[in-house]
Amino acid sequence: MTTHVTIIGAGLGGLTLARVLHVHGIPATVYEAEASPMSRLQGGMLDIHEYNGQLALEAADLMHEFRAIILEGRQATRVLDLDGTVLMEEPDDGTGGRPEVQRGELRQILLDSLPAGTVRWGQKVTGVRGLGEGRHEVVFADGGTVVTSLLVGADGAWSRVRPLLSDATPEYFGRAFVETYLYDSETRHPTAAKTVGGGSLFVFARDTGASGRWIAAHREKGETLHAYVMLAKPQEWFARIDFSDAAAATAGIVAEFDGWAPEITALITDSDTAPVLRPLNRLPIGHRWDRVPGATLIGDAAHLSPPDGEGANLAMQDGAELGKFIAAHPDDIEAALTSYEEALFPRSAAAATDAVATNEAMGQQLIDASGRDGRTV
């Protein structure tokens, strides 16, 4: 019978798994490399979808807490032309099924729902090895080790657990985000705040690079504007930019948007933070592995894909589904893991296919749908 589950990674997927197990009375320990919950910025906004992320929160019995952190109005979307003309505008009428929350607040809900001591902070994994009969030893950077009969890799793109199950490694997708933040936007950046509107903003190139050159922004909590600048460039191109020099990095990035309206490019030039480069990587579409006794993967460790708004939702769905399978087969862990992976592989393959298609077509579809007449659709 399952007595304990070892989870590597305290992201949304790993914490959802730990919470669902806790709901079913199954103990788990989560090992996380970060020193504390607040040791780094926890990303921006997430839209949590009614068909996966919200179902995971229902399984975790946390829907009440989730509803309390929803940022009303943030499902509003607008698309601008390069000169600032509004091409499309959709208000948030509350029926979109994808309410927005801050990633850090959602993570904190999950952390608060777990028994004290469930998450062991500052435990960076350096290696994992099989001991036979479904048992594995996890080695930490401080020299400590733990042996477990049920190991779950929830440790993201560069998972230390994945090599137990698969030889696959992430590859660069040919695109990268550059992130910026504008704080106190209503008073310090009013033009940019007006340009972004009440929810999300998208501005796409109108050329052959439309799918790989665009600027997006979210209005986050506390009048913060969080911008994502997408560029389809080889890694060598980004390597020539000195991101340790904020002014030089800003100049290098904004030069790619020459001729765009200044109220749009202000999301780059007026940033209150240095531009942060986020290369996009992916695992092969349809990534899968043969059943390895006592071990499995969830989230990006299992199916890293280009961003399309599904990543966090899928990780939470993985964690919830795995937790439910373990609870349903407490006396037969291999049956639980087999059932989980049989459902995971086709689901993640379909999601990865959609993510690649979305990234390759992004911009052109909205441009074609909205036209140039500024109508609301």
Foldseek 3Di string as FASTA:
>chain_A
DQAEAEEEALALLRLLLQLLLVVLVHHYAYEYQAQDLPSDAQDFKAFAAPVFQVVSCVSSVCVVVVVVFFDPFQVWEWEAELALFTLATDTCPPPPRTTMGTRSSSSVSSVVSHPPRRYDYNWAWDAKDDPDPQKIWTATPVGDIDIDSAYEYAPAQQTRQLVVFDPWHKDFPQKKKKKFKDAPCVPPPVLLDVSQDRHKYKYADPDLCRLFFIKMWGQGPRRMIMMITMHRHDPVLVVVQDLVDQVRNLVVRCVVSPPGHPSRSCSRVVGPDRIDMGTAIWTDQLDDGDDDRNYDYAFNSGTRAGDDSCRSSRSSNLSSQLSVLCSVCVPCNSSSVVVSRVVPRVVSNVVRVVRVVCSSCPRVVSCVVRPRPSDYD
